[in-house]
């Protein structure tokens, strides 16, 4: 991670308006585009961007962390994950004016932050296994058909792909479970 990213993250955590304005100019349009392409409105994008900033600032001030990518990319991925979470939540919402919402905004931010940490942990462990397994599992997670994986990665048959996926998932599971942080997430 570059010193620029570390400095930007620290400045963001202190509420530096210059950094926040820069992020609004560079990152917000990308988040807005993503949200609007995925059943959202500009107001939703504004809310998501605000929540991501609050989430990152709160998380950093509670337990300082480092990111391995750019701050812009980190915020974008966090916003995409948060928007997916919001869409899933909307699917479960009952539209009855007499129903009282039981989840507070603060609790929602904490849960989103925890999900983001879990996602980062998963990505770290995915990156720790062999490149071949990483490529194979990424295609598997994207639900690419086995026949296509055979062609893309040069395997002989669907059965070979299935066996490799099983072995790679086992490697990934072992890497996750052997990390001391895994118990914290349970």
C-alpha atoms as a PDB file:
ATOM      1  CA  UNK A   1       0.000   0.000   0.000  1.00  0.00           C
ATOM      2  CA  UNK A   2       1.342   3.432  -0.865  1.00  0.00           C
ATOM      3  CA  UNK A   3       1.998   6.182   1.652  1.00  0.00           C
ATOM      4  CA  UNK A   4      -0.541   8.312  -0.238  1.00  0.00           C
ATOM      5  CA  UNK A   5      -3.274   5.752   0.485  1.00  0.00           C
ATOM      6  CA  UNK A   6      -2.285   5.559   4.174  1.00  0.00           C
ATOM      7  CA  UNK A   7      -2.317   9.360   4.440  1.00  0.00           C
ATOM      8  CA  UNK A   8      -5.675   9.649   2.645  1.00  0.00           C
ATOM      9  CA  UNK A   9      -7.225   7.040   4.925  1.00  0.00           C
ATOM     10  CA  UNK A  10      -5.936   8.839   8.035  1.00  0.00           C
ATOM     11  CA  UNK A  11      -7.131  12.199   6.708  1.00  0.00           C
ATOM     12  CA  UNK A  12     -10.541  10.759   5.862  1.00  0.00           C
ATOM     13  CA  UNK A  13     -10.788   9.363   9.400  1.00  0.00           C
ATOM     14  CA  UNK A  14     -10.164  12.821  10.840  1.00  0.00           C
ATOM     15  CA  UNK A  15     -12.899  14.319   8.675  1.00  0.00           C
ATOM     16  CA  UNK A  16     -10.619  16.305   6.343  1.00  0.00           C
ATOM     17  CA  UNK A  17     -13.038  18.178   4.047  1.00  0.00           C
ATOM     18  CA  UNK A  18     -10.472  18.377   1.227  1.00  0.00           C
ATOM     19  CA  UNK A  19     -10.139  14.572   1.072  1.00  0.00           C
ATOM     20  CA  UNK A  20     -13.907  14.114   1.369  1.00  0.00           C
ATOM     21  CA  UNK A  21     -14.492  16.588  -1.480  1.00  0.00           C
ATOM     22  CA  UNK A  22     -11.878  14.807  -3.595  1.00  0.00           C
ATOM     23  CA  UNK A  23     -13.629  11.468  -2.960  1.00  0.00           C
ATOM     24  CA  UNK A  24     -16.966  13.022  -3.903  1.00  0.00           C
ATOM     25  CA  UNK A  25     -15.477  14.156  -7.207  1.00  0.00           C
ATOM     26  CA  UNK A  26     -13.619  10.931  -8.034  1.00  0.00           C
ATOM     27  CA  UNK A  27     -15.543   8.068  -6.412  1.00  0.00           C
ATOM     28  CA  UNK A  28     -19.134   9.212  -6.012  1.00  0.00           C
ATOM     29  CA  UNK A  29     -19.892   9.341  -9.782  1.00  0.00           C
ATOM     30  CA  UNK A  30     -18.766   5.709 -10.134  1.00  0.00           C
ATOM     31  CA  UNK A  31     -20.905   4.644  -7.177  1.00  0.00           C
ATOM     32  CA  UNK A  32     -23.874   6.588  -8.515  1.00  0.00           C
ATOM     33  CA  UNK A  33     -23.506   4.896 -11.885  1.00  0.00           C
ATOM     34  CA  UNK A  34     -23.337   1.456 -10.254  1.00  0.00           C
ATOM     35  CA  UNK A  35     -26.379   2.062  -8.049  1.00  0.00           C
ATOM     36  CA  UNK A  36     -28.460   3.460 -10.902  1.00  0.00           C
ATOM     37  CA  UNK A  37     -27.562   0.517 -13.158  1.00  0.00           C
ATOM     38  CA  UNK A  38     -28.689  -1.795 -10.357  1.00  0.00           C
ATOM     39  CA  UNK A  39     -32.255  -0.661  -9.607  1.00  0.00           C
ATOM     40  CA  UNK A  40     -31.371   2.453  -7.630  1.00  0.00           C
ATOM     41  CA  UNK A  41     -31.809   6.195  -7.827  1.00  0.00           C
ATOM     42  CA  UNK A  42     -29.400   9.079  -7.308  1.00  0.00           C
ATOM     43  CA  UNK A  43     -30.774   9.529  -3.753  1.00  0.00           C
ATOM     44  CA  UNK A  44     -29.889   5.895  -3.044  1.00  0.00           C
ATOM     45  CA  UNK A  45     -26.370   6.489  -4.328  1.00  0.00           C
ATOM     46  CA  UNK A  46     -25.982   9.508  -2.050  1.00  0.00           C
ATOM     47  CA  UNK A  47     -27.131   7.463   0.944  1.00  0.00           C
ATOM     48  CA  UNK A  48     -24.812   4.586   0.088  1.00  0.00           C
ATOM     49  CA  UNK A  49     -21.833   6.898  -0.366  1.00  0.00           C
ATOM     50  CA  UNK A  50     -22.528   8.592   2.978  1.00  0.00           C
ATOM     51  CA  UNK A  51     -22.918   5.239   4.728  1.00  0.00           C
ATOM     52  CA  UNK A  52     -19.659   3.953   3.257  1.00  0.00           C
ATOM     53  CA  UNK A  53     -17.783   7.037   4.417  1.00  0.00           C
ATOM     54  CA  UNK A  54     -19.272   6.722   7.906  1.00  0.00           C
ATOM     55  CA  UNK A  55     -18.536   2.998   7.947  1.00  0.00           C
ATOM     56  CA  UNK A  56     -14.881   3.454   6.968  1.00  0.00           C
ATOM     57  CA  UNK A  57     -14.326   6.397   9.323  1.00  0.00           C
ATOM     58  CA  UNK A  58     -15.956   4.596  12.260  1.00  0.00           C
ATOM     59  CA  UNK A  59     -14.097   1.388  11.577  1.00  0.00           C
ATOM     60  CA  UNK A  60     -10.739   3.167  11.209  1.00  0.00           C
ATOM     61  CA  UNK A  61     -11.228   5.210  14.371  1.00  0.00           C
ATOM     62  CA  UNK A  62     -12.244   2.105  16.319  1.00  0.00           C
ATOM     63  CA  UNK A  63      -9.523  -0.178  15.026  1.00  0.00           C
ATOM     64  CA  UNK A  64      -7.066   1.377  12.500  1.00  0.00           C
ATOM     65  CA  UNK A  65      -6.513  -0.857   9.481  1.00  0.00           C
ATOM     66  CA  UNK A  66      -4.618  -0.809   6.218  1.00  0.00           C
ATOM     67  CA  UNK A  67      -5.940  -1.400   2.743  1.00  0.00           C
ATOM     68  CA  UNK A  68      -4.022  -3.109  -0.019  1.00  0.00           C
ATOM     69  CA  UNK A  69      -5.671  -1.223  -2.891  1.00  0.00           C
ATOM     70  CA  UNK A  70      -6.330   2.440  -3.541  1.00  0.00           C
ATOM     71  CA  UNK A  71      -8.733   4.222  -1.207  1.00  0.00           C
ATOM     72  CA  UNK A  72     -10.930   5.009  -4.218  1.00  0.00           C
ATOM     73  CA  UNK A  73     -11.170   1.331  -5.183  1.00  0.00           C
ATOM     74  CA  UNK A  74     -11.724   0.283  -1.586  1.00  0.00           C
ATOM     75  CA  UNK A  75     -14.626   2.714  -1.185  1.00  0.00           C
ATOM     76  CA  UNK A  76     -16.137   1.646  -4.506  1.00  0.00           C
ATOM     77  CA  UNK A  77     -16.101  -2.056  -3.578  1.00  0.00           C
ATOM     78  CA  UNK A  78     -17.470  -1.282  -0.111  1.00  0.00           C
ATOM     79  CA  UNK A  79     -20.279   0.763  -1.685  1.00  0.00           C
ATOM     80  CA  UNK A  80     -21.128  -2.012  -4.153  1.00  0.00           C
ATOM     81  CA  UNK A  81     -21.293  -4.535  -1.317  1.00  0.00           C
ATOM     82  CA  UNK A  82     -23.434  -2.173   0.737  1.00  0.00           C
ATOM     83  CA  UNK A  83     -25.808  -1.587  -2.197  1.00  0.00           C
ATOM     84  CA  UNK A  84     -26.180  -5.355  -2.739  1.00  0.00           C
ATOM     85  CA  UNK A  85     -26.969  -5.687   0.963  1.00  0.00           C
ATOM     86  CA  UNK A  86     -29.528  -2.886   0.687  1.00  0.00           C
ATOM     87  CA  UNK A  87     -31.204  -4.554  -2.294  1.00  0.00           C
ATOM     88  CA  UNK A  88     -31.434  -7.839  -0.393  1.00  0.00           C
ATOM     89  CA  UNK A  89     -32.911  -6.017   2.573  1.00  0.00           C
ATOM     90  CA  UNK A  90     -35.515  -4.364   0.349  1.00  0.00           C
ATOM     91  CA  UNK A  91     -36.644  -7.751  -0.941  1.00  0.00           C
ATOM     92  CA  UNK A  92     -37.546  -8.746   2.615  1.00  0.00           C
ATOM     93  CA  UNK A  93     -39.279  -5.505   3.599  1.00  0.00           C
ATOM     94  CA  UNK A  94     -43.021  -5.643   4.072  1.00  0.00           C
ATOM     95  CA  UNK A  95     -44.755  -2.495   2.883  1.00  0.00           C
ATOM     96  CA  UNK A  96     -47.158  -1.930   5.745  1.00  0.00           C
ATOM     97  CA  UNK A  97     -47.255   1.506   7.333  1.00  0.00           C
ATOM     98  CA  UNK A  98     -48.159   0.029  10.731  1.00  0.00           C
ATOM     99  CA  UNK A  99     -45.001  -2.100  10.907  1.00  0.00           C
ATOM    100  CA  UNK A 100     -42.200  -0.636  13.009  1.00  0.00           C
ATOM    101  CA  UNK A 101     -38.633  -1.123  11.814  1.00  0.00           C
ATOM    102  CA  UNK A 102     -36.624  -2.980  14.451  1.00  0.00           C
ATOM    103  CA  UNK A 103     -33.107  -2.410  13.096  1.00  0.00           C
ATOM    104  CA  UNK A 104     -31.570   0.929  13.978  1.00  0.00           C
ATOM    105  CA  UNK A 105     -29.397   2.896  11.568  1.00  0.00           C
ATOM    106  CA  UNK A 106     -26.364   2.469  13.889  1.00  0.00           C
ATOM    107  CA  UNK A 107     -26.868  -1.286  14.054  1.00  0.00           C
ATOM    108  CA  UNK A 108     -27.181  -1.400  10.271  1.00  0.00           C
ATOM    109  CA  UNK A 109     -23.860   0.450   9.858  1.00  0.00           C
ATOM    110  CA  UNK A 110     -22.151  -1.936  12.286  1.00  0.00           C
ATOM    111  CA  UNK A 111     -23.501  -4.966  10.413  1.00  0.00           C
ATOM    112  CA  UNK A 112     -22.414  -3.523   7.060  1.00  0.00           C
ATOM    113  CA  UNK A 113     -18.958  -2.839   8.458  1.00  0.00           C
ATOM    114  CA  UNK A 114     -18.687  -6.390   9.754  1.00  0.00           C
ATOM    115  CA  UNK A 115     -19.775  -7.786   6.384  1.00  0.00           C
ATOM    116  CA  UNK A 116     -17.135  -5.647   4.671  1.00  0.00           C
ATOM    117  CA  UNK A 117     -14.465  -6.995   7.050  1.00  0.00           C
ATOM    118  CA  UNK A 118     -15.588 -10.551   6.308  1.00  0.00           C
ATOM    119  CA  UNK A 119     -15.437  -9.840   2.566  1.00  0.00           C
ATOM    120  CA  UNK A 120     -11.893  -8.448   2.878  1.00  0.00           C
ATOM    121  CA  UNK A 121     -10.846 -11.475   4.953  1.00  0.00           C
ATOM    122  CA  UNK A 122     -12.311 -13.820   2.313  1.00  0.00           C
ATOM    123  CA  UNK A 123     -10.513 -11.949  -0.493  1.00  0.00           C
ATOM    124  CA  UNK A 124      -7.234 -12.113   1.433  1.00  0.00           C
ATOM    125  CA  UNK A 125      -7.571 -15.878   1.841  1.00  0.00           C
ATOM    126  CA  UNK A 126      -8.623 -16.326  -1.778  1.00  0.00           C
ATOM    127  CA  UNK A 127      -5.459 -14.474  -2.807  1.00  0.00           C
ATOM    128  CA  UNK A 128      -3.346 -16.749  -0.576  1.00  0.00           C
ATOM    129  CA  UNK A 129      -4.112 -19.951  -2.495  1.00  0.00           C
ATOM    130  CA  UNK A 130      -2.480 -20.952  -5.783  1.00  0.00           C
ATOM    131  CA  UNK A 131      -3.135 -18.820  -8.869  1.00  0.00           C
ATOM    132  CA  UNK A 132      -4.691 -21.796 -10.630  1.00  0.00           C
ATOM    133  CA  UNK A 133      -7.180 -22.342  -7.774  1.00  0.00           C
ATOM    134  CA  UNK A 134      -7.853 -18.623  -7.513  1.00  0.00           C
ATOM    135  CA  UNK A 135      -8.705 -18.388 -11.230  1.00  0.00           C
ATOM    136  CA  UNK A 136     -10.830 -21.525 -11.078  1.00  0.00           C
ATOM    137  CA  UNK A 137     -12.799 -20.415  -8.001  1.00  0.00           C
ATOM    138  CA  UNK A 138     -13.392 -16.930  -9.382  1.00  0.00           C
ATOM    139  CA  UNK A 139     -15.029 -18.461 -12.432  1.00  0.00           C
ATOM    140  CA  UNK A 140     -16.959 -20.889 -10.235  1.00  0.00           C
ATOM    141  CA  UNK A 141     -18.230 -18.049  -8.003  1.00  0.00           C
ATOM    142  CA  UNK A 142     -19.350 -16.154 -11.112  1.00  0.00           C
ATOM    143  CA  UNK A 143     -21.392 -19.267 -12.002  1.00  0.00           C
ATOM    144  CA  UNK A 144     -19.524 -19.830 -15.268  1.00  0.00           C
ATOM    145  CA  UNK A 145     -20.639 -23.202 -16.701  1.00  0.00           C
ATOM    146  CA  UNK A 146     -18.194 -26.089 -16.298  1.00  0.00           C
ATOM    147  CA  UNK A 147     -17.887 -26.550 -20.066  1.00  0.00           C
ATOM    148  CA  UNK A 148     -16.775 -22.923 -20.397  1.00  0.00           C
ATOM    149  CA  UNK A 149     -14.238 -23.341 -17.572  1.00  0.00           C
ATOM    150  CA  UNK A 150     -12.850 -26.421 -19.380  1.00  0.00           C
ATOM    151  CA  UNK A 151     -12.298 -24.269 -22.481  1.00  0.00           C
ATOM    152  CA  UNK A 152     -10.997 -21.150 -20.695  1.00  0.00           C
ATOM    153  CA  UNK A 153      -8.526 -22.914 -18.410  1.00  0.00           C
ATOM    154  CA  UNK A 154      -7.611 -25.829 -20.668  1.00  0.00           C
ATOM    155  CA  UNK A 155      -8.871 -28.756 -18.603  1.00  0.00           C
ATOM    156  CA  UNK A 156      -9.739 -32.071 -20.273  1.00  0.00           C
ATOM    157  CA  UNK A 157     -13.285 -32.668 -18.995  1.00  0.00           C
ATOM    158  CA  UNK A 158     -16.077 -31.342 -16.779  1.00  0.00           C
ATOM    159  CA  UNK A 159     -15.215 -34.002 -14.200  1.00  0.00           C
ATOM    160  CA  UNK A 160     -11.658 -32.744 -13.908  1.00  0.00           C
ATOM    161  CA  UNK A 161     -13.027 -29.225 -13.338  1.00  0.00           C
ATOM    162  CA  UNK A 162     -15.422 -30.507 -10.647  1.00  0.00           C
ATOM    163  CA  UNK A 163     -12.588 -32.319  -8.864  1.00  0.00           C
ATOM    164  CA  UNK A 164     -10.308 -29.275  -9.051  1.00  0.00           C
ATOM    165  CA  UNK A 165     -13.083 -27.019  -7.723  1.00  0.00           C
ATOM    166  CA  UNK A 166     -13.641 -29.390  -4.820  1.00  0.00           C
ATOM    167  CA  UNK A 167      -9.896 -29.451  -4.021  1.00  0.00           C
ATOM    168  CA  UNK A 168      -9.569 -25.672  -4.377  1.00  0.00           C
ATOM    169  CA  UNK A 169     -12.592 -25.045  -2.157  1.00  0.00           C
ATOM    170  CA  UNK A 170     -10.998 -27.357   0.422  1.00  0.00           C
ATOM    171  CA  UNK A 171      -7.739 -25.371   0.246  1.00  0.00           C
ATOM    172  CA  UNK A 172      -9.646 -22.099   0.651  1.00  0.00           C
ATOM    173  CA  UNK A 173     -11.700 -23.447   3.550  1.00  0.00           C
ATOM    174  CA  UNK A 174      -8.549 -24.680   5.298  1.00  0.00           C
ATOM    175  CA  UNK A 175      -6.834 -21.304   4.786  1.00  0.00           C
ATOM    176  CA  UNK A 176      -9.849 -19.511   6.266  1.00  0.00           C
ATOM    177  CA  UNK A 177     -10.308 -21.853   9.218  1.00  0.00           C
ATOM    178  CA  UNK A 178      -6.604 -21.869  10.105  1.00  0.00           C
ATOM    179  CA  UNK A 179      -6.522 -18.090  10.519  1.00  0.00           C
ATOM    180  CA  UNK A 180      -7.057 -16.923  14.125  1.00  0.00           C
ATOM    181  CA  UNK A 181      -9.405 -14.183  12.905  1.00  0.00           C
ATOM    182  CA  UNK A 182     -11.863 -16.826  11.680  1.00  0.00           C
ATOM    183  CA  UNK A 183     -13.089 -17.491  15.230  1.00  0.00           C
ATOM    184  CA  UNK A 184     -13.821 -13.766  15.648  1.00  0.00           C
ATOM    185  CA  UNK A 185     -16.238 -13.857  12.707  1.00  0.00           C
ATOM    186  CA  UNK A 186     -18.227 -16.815  13.996  1.00  0.00           C
END
